Amino acid sequence: MNIFYDLSRKCFFHKEEALTAVPFAKGSFLLSSHKHQEAYHFKIHSKKEIRSVPLLGIVASKEENRYRGNFELFRSIQEELEEQGALCFVFSPEDVDGKTINGIIFNKQLNKWVKCIFPVPSVIYNRIPSRDAEQHQEYKALQTFIKTFNIPYFNPHFFNKWEVHQILSQCSDLKDYLPPTEKLESEAGFTDFLERYKRIYVKPTFASQGKGIRLIEKEVNGTIICKSIKKIEKYTSLSRFLSTYGEWFHPGQNLIIQKAVPCKTLKDHRYDYRILAVHTGMEFRLIGIGVRISQRQEVTTHVPAGGKIISIEEVSAPRTKKEILDIVKTCGRELVAAFGYVGEFSLDLAPREEGGYVLFEINSKPMTFDEEDIEQNRRQQLVRTFLILSEHKEG
């Protein structure tokens, strides 16, 4: 089916002879028209007869009139949706204007993103790239817009590590996977935690990809070793260390402390599983498992911090995927109960030295996986889920 956007009238239309009004987006229609001067052209395909055209809105952020976000992912989702008879566009919270949204859509003929005015989308996918952007007044206004039109909203917000730990620790099926974790609030609390476990992590509650993490070790002679992804520091005493990192104990720092659980290694380097889950509309599906192994530092296995990708076959047992799937489904159930509809998440899991697993953290809005097969499965499942959600017509 060919869909056009009239640049002068600022509306979408079609030219199909056999059709008049085609349901489009949420409560809107594509009308048949042959009268236009200049128009963008979009071609959608579907193995089934097209009775309606769903519209996905991907919400990103905008700075200095430029959109920010993972445009490789956005474009690939648009291509998948067009193959299924749907359209997709990108917008920011400040683009919402009454019952319409200003946004951009990729035009293949022109090979560029073009500006259009869109009706209320069938589904909105939250890909705002920063927590700060979710605190703006425009984002709160977008949430009101979503509630007003009863739009299915895919992903509520960024996760707070401390909040997620508290939620998961209430679940009897997950408690054994969680390392001892506390909120960092005082020097006394930090000192007591370090004394108990000798080897601990300090993590920002909203950071990702290993940013801001410190691995702290207390040796028998009282020396404190502080490791980051960039350097190793040594302090002859705890008091010297505390005076250097005194800002950790100021109000509003949003840090947690977590026991560094001994985990299995391969060739003396620790490794962990990066797991991607996407909701199908009925349940969470395990999309893929990537394995990351540390190299030049042992604080984190993230590839941008020097970690390396290895095959799951190098480290897994036959039962590994089944065990991980059980953990994924349980985590998903708890997250949905706490936050509402959570469409996707990733989790960091590692095998303990003594057996079993340790669950380090769960992240919303997963980053792009380096494994192309995982990314392809992800895009295909996302599109299937969006189309299922688009059938939600009330509002």
Foldseek 3Di string as FASTA:
>chain_A
DKKKAAPVVQHIAAADPVDAWAAEFFPHTHGHDDDGDDIAIDAAAAPDDRRHAAEEEEEEADDPNHTDFDVVLQQLLQVLSSPHRYGYWYAYLVQDDPQKGWTWGQGPVVRGIDIGIGGHGLAYEYGHPDQVSCPDPSVVVVVVVCVVSVHHYAADGKFFFVVLVVLQCVDPVCVVQAFDKDWDADPVVVVVVCVVQQWKKKDARRDDLQPPIWIWGQDPQAWIWIDGLVDIDIDNHPVVVCVVVVVSNDPPRRMMMGHPFAFDADPPWFKWKKWKWFQQLPFIDTLDIWMWTADPDRRDRRVVSPIDTDDPVVPDDPCVVVVVVVVVRVSCVSCCVVRNRHGMKIWIWTAGPVGDIHTDGITGSDDDDPDVSSSVSVSNSVSSNSVVSSVPRGD
